[in-house]
N, C-alpha and C. Protein backbone atom coordinates (compact mmCIF):
# COMPACT_ATOMS: atom_id res chain seq x y z
N MET A 1 -10.43 -14.48 88.81
CA MET A 1 -10.87 -14.57 87.42
C MET A 1 -10.16 -15.76 86.76
N THR A 2 -10.94 -16.61 86.11
CA THR A 2 -10.36 -17.79 85.45
C THR A 2 -9.65 -17.38 84.17
N LYS A 3 -8.88 -18.31 83.63
CA LYS A 3 -8.15 -18.06 82.39
C LYS A 3 -9.12 -17.72 81.25
N ASN A 4 -10.24 -18.44 81.18
CA ASN A 4 -11.22 -18.19 80.13
C ASN A 4 -11.88 -16.82 80.31
N GLN A 5 -12.17 -16.45 81.54
CA GLN A 5 -12.78 -15.14 81.80
C GLN A 5 -11.83 -14.01 81.41
N LYS A 6 -10.54 -14.20 81.66
CA LYS A 6 -9.54 -13.20 81.26
C LYS A 6 -9.49 -13.07 79.74
N TYR A 7 -9.52 -14.22 79.07
CA TYR A 7 -9.51 -14.24 77.60
C TYR A 7 -10.73 -13.52 77.04
N GLU A 8 -11.91 -13.82 77.59
CA GLU A 8 -13.13 -13.18 77.11
C GLU A 8 -13.12 -11.68 77.41
N ALA A 9 -12.60 -11.28 78.56
CA ALA A 9 -12.52 -9.86 78.91
C ALA A 9 -11.59 -9.13 77.94
N LYS A 10 -10.50 -9.78 77.56
CA LYS A 10 -9.54 -9.19 76.61
C LYS A 10 -10.22 -8.94 75.26
N LEU A 11 -10.96 -9.93 74.78
CA LEU A 11 -11.65 -9.79 73.50
C LEU A 11 -12.76 -8.74 73.58
N LYS A 12 -13.46 -8.70 74.70
CA LYS A 12 -14.51 -7.71 74.89
C LYS A 12 -13.92 -6.30 74.87
N ALA A 13 -12.74 -6.15 75.45
CA ALA A 13 -12.06 -4.85 75.47
C ALA A 13 -11.66 -4.42 74.05
N GLN A 14 -11.54 -5.38 73.15
CA GLN A 14 -11.22 -5.08 71.75
C GLN A 14 -12.47 -4.75 70.94
N GLY A 15 -13.62 -4.71 71.62
CA GLY A 15 -14.87 -4.38 70.95
C GLY A 15 -15.56 -5.58 70.32
N LEU A 16 -15.18 -6.78 70.73
CA LEU A 16 -15.79 -7.99 70.18
C LEU A 16 -16.88 -8.50 71.11
N LYS A 17 -17.83 -9.23 70.55
CA LYS A 17 -18.94 -9.79 71.32
C LYS A 17 -19.02 -11.28 71.08
N LYS A 18 -19.16 -12.04 72.15
CA LYS A 18 -19.29 -13.50 72.05
C LYS A 18 -20.72 -13.83 71.64
N THR A 19 -20.85 -14.64 70.59
CA THR A 19 -22.16 -15.00 70.06
C THR A 19 -22.16 -16.46 69.65
N THR A 20 -23.26 -17.14 69.89
CA THR A 20 -23.43 -18.51 69.42
C THR A 20 -24.42 -18.50 68.27
N VAL A 21 -24.05 -19.14 67.18
CA VAL A 21 -24.90 -19.16 65.99
C VAL A 21 -24.97 -20.59 65.47
N TRP A 22 -26.17 -21.05 65.18
CA TRP A 22 -26.35 -22.36 64.56
C TRP A 22 -26.40 -22.15 63.05
N LEU A 23 -25.59 -22.91 62.32
CA LEU A 23 -25.52 -22.73 60.88
C LEU A 23 -25.34 -24.07 60.19
N PRO A 24 -25.65 -24.12 58.90
CA PRO A 24 -25.47 -25.38 58.17
C PRO A 24 -24.00 -25.79 58.18
N GLU A 25 -23.77 -27.05 58.43
CA GLU A 25 -22.41 -27.57 58.57
C GLU A 25 -21.53 -27.27 57.36
N GLU A 26 -22.11 -27.37 56.16
CA GLU A 26 -21.31 -27.16 54.95
C GLU A 26 -20.88 -25.70 54.76
N LEU A 27 -21.52 -24.77 55.45
CA LEU A 27 -21.16 -23.35 55.33
C LEU A 27 -20.17 -22.89 56.39
N GLU A 28 -19.89 -23.73 57.36
CA GLU A 28 -19.03 -23.33 58.47
C GLU A 28 -17.66 -22.79 58.03
N PRO A 29 -16.93 -23.47 57.15
CA PRO A 29 -15.60 -22.95 56.78
C PRO A 29 -15.65 -21.55 56.15
N GLU A 30 -16.60 -21.34 55.24
CA GLU A 30 -16.71 -20.03 54.59
C GLU A 30 -17.10 -18.94 55.58
N LEU A 31 -18.05 -19.25 56.44
CA LEU A 31 -18.51 -18.24 57.40
C LEU A 31 -17.42 -17.93 58.43
N LYS A 32 -16.68 -18.93 58.86
CA LYS A 32 -15.57 -18.68 59.78
C LYS A 32 -14.54 -17.77 59.14
N GLU A 33 -14.24 -18.02 57.87
CA GLU A 33 -13.26 -17.20 57.16
C GLU A 33 -13.76 -15.76 57.03
N LEU A 34 -15.04 -15.59 56.69
CA LEU A 34 -15.61 -14.25 56.59
C LEU A 34 -15.56 -13.52 57.93
N LEU A 35 -15.95 -14.20 58.99
CA LEU A 35 -15.95 -13.57 60.31
C LEU A 35 -14.54 -13.19 60.75
N GLU A 36 -13.59 -14.04 60.48
CA GLU A 36 -12.20 -13.73 60.82
C GLU A 36 -11.71 -12.51 60.03
N PHE A 37 -12.10 -12.45 58.76
CA PHE A 37 -11.71 -11.30 57.93
C PHE A 37 -12.26 -10.00 58.52
N PHE A 38 -13.55 -9.98 58.86
CA PHE A 38 -14.14 -8.75 59.39
C PHE A 38 -13.62 -8.43 60.78
N LYS A 39 -13.25 -9.44 61.53
CA LYS A 39 -12.65 -9.21 62.85
C LYS A 39 -11.32 -8.48 62.69
N ASN A 40 -10.55 -8.86 61.68
CA ASN A 40 -9.22 -8.28 61.46
C ASN A 40 -9.23 -7.05 60.58
N ASN A 41 -10.34 -6.76 59.92
CA ASN A 41 -10.43 -5.62 59.00
C ASN A 41 -11.66 -4.79 59.34
N LYS A 42 -11.61 -4.14 60.48
CA LYS A 42 -12.77 -3.40 60.98
C LYS A 42 -13.14 -2.22 60.09
N HIS A 43 -12.24 -1.82 59.20
CA HIS A 43 -12.53 -0.71 58.29
C HIS A 43 -13.41 -1.15 57.12
N CYS A 44 -13.64 -2.44 56.98
CA CYS A 44 -14.48 -2.97 55.89
C CYS A 44 -15.90 -3.22 56.39
N ASP A 45 -16.86 -2.97 55.52
CA ASP A 45 -18.26 -3.24 55.83
C ASP A 45 -18.73 -4.45 55.03
N PRO A 46 -19.49 -5.34 55.65
CA PRO A 46 -20.03 -6.47 54.89
C PRO A 46 -21.10 -5.99 53.91
N VAL A 47 -21.09 -6.55 52.74
CA VAL A 47 -22.13 -6.27 51.75
C VAL A 47 -23.09 -7.45 51.83
N LEU A 48 -24.30 -7.18 52.19
CA LEU A 48 -25.25 -8.26 52.44
C LEU A 48 -25.87 -8.78 51.15
N VAL A 49 -25.17 -9.75 50.57
CA VAL A 49 -25.61 -10.38 49.33
C VAL A 49 -25.40 -11.88 49.49
N ALA A 50 -26.33 -12.64 48.97
CA ALA A 50 -26.22 -14.10 49.01
C ALA A 50 -26.43 -14.65 47.60
N ARG A 51 -25.81 -15.79 47.33
CA ARG A 51 -25.98 -16.43 46.02
C ARG A 51 -26.92 -17.61 46.16
N ASN A 52 -27.92 -17.65 45.30
CA ASN A 52 -28.85 -18.76 45.27
C ASN A 52 -28.14 -19.96 44.65
N ARG A 53 -28.06 -21.07 45.36
CA ARG A 53 -27.34 -22.25 44.86
C ARG A 53 -28.02 -22.88 43.65
N GLU A 54 -29.32 -22.71 43.52
CA GLU A 54 -30.04 -23.32 42.41
C GLU A 54 -29.93 -22.51 41.13
N THR A 55 -30.06 -21.18 41.25
CA THR A 55 -30.04 -20.32 40.06
C THR A 55 -28.68 -19.66 39.83
N ASN A 56 -27.82 -19.70 40.82
CA ASN A 56 -26.50 -19.07 40.77
C ASN A 56 -26.59 -17.54 40.66
N LYS A 57 -27.75 -16.98 40.98
CA LYS A 57 -27.93 -15.53 40.95
C LYS A 57 -27.76 -14.97 42.35
N PHE A 58 -27.31 -13.72 42.41
CA PHE A 58 -27.14 -13.06 43.70
C PHE A 58 -28.45 -12.45 44.17
N THR A 59 -28.66 -12.48 45.47
CA THR A 59 -29.86 -11.95 46.09
C THR A 59 -29.44 -10.99 47.19
N LYS A 60 -30.01 -9.80 47.18
CA LYS A 60 -29.71 -8.83 48.23
C LYS A 60 -30.45 -9.23 49.50
N ILE A 61 -29.77 -9.13 50.62
CA ILE A 61 -30.38 -9.43 51.91
C ILE A 61 -30.86 -8.11 52.50
N SER A 62 -32.13 -8.04 52.82
CA SER A 62 -32.69 -6.76 53.28
C SER A 62 -32.25 -6.35 54.64
């Protein structure tokens, strides 16, 4: 087993799943921070809400 395979197996054992996601470059820092938060705070649930950049109003994600 390679070093990377051991690392991935360790994370998988923690209940994590490896995923590739394409996202807008300008949102990467915020999304990384959110994902890290939920990774470390499994007792929290994400609230699916987004803010419209044009109107500054929140929109519920179905």
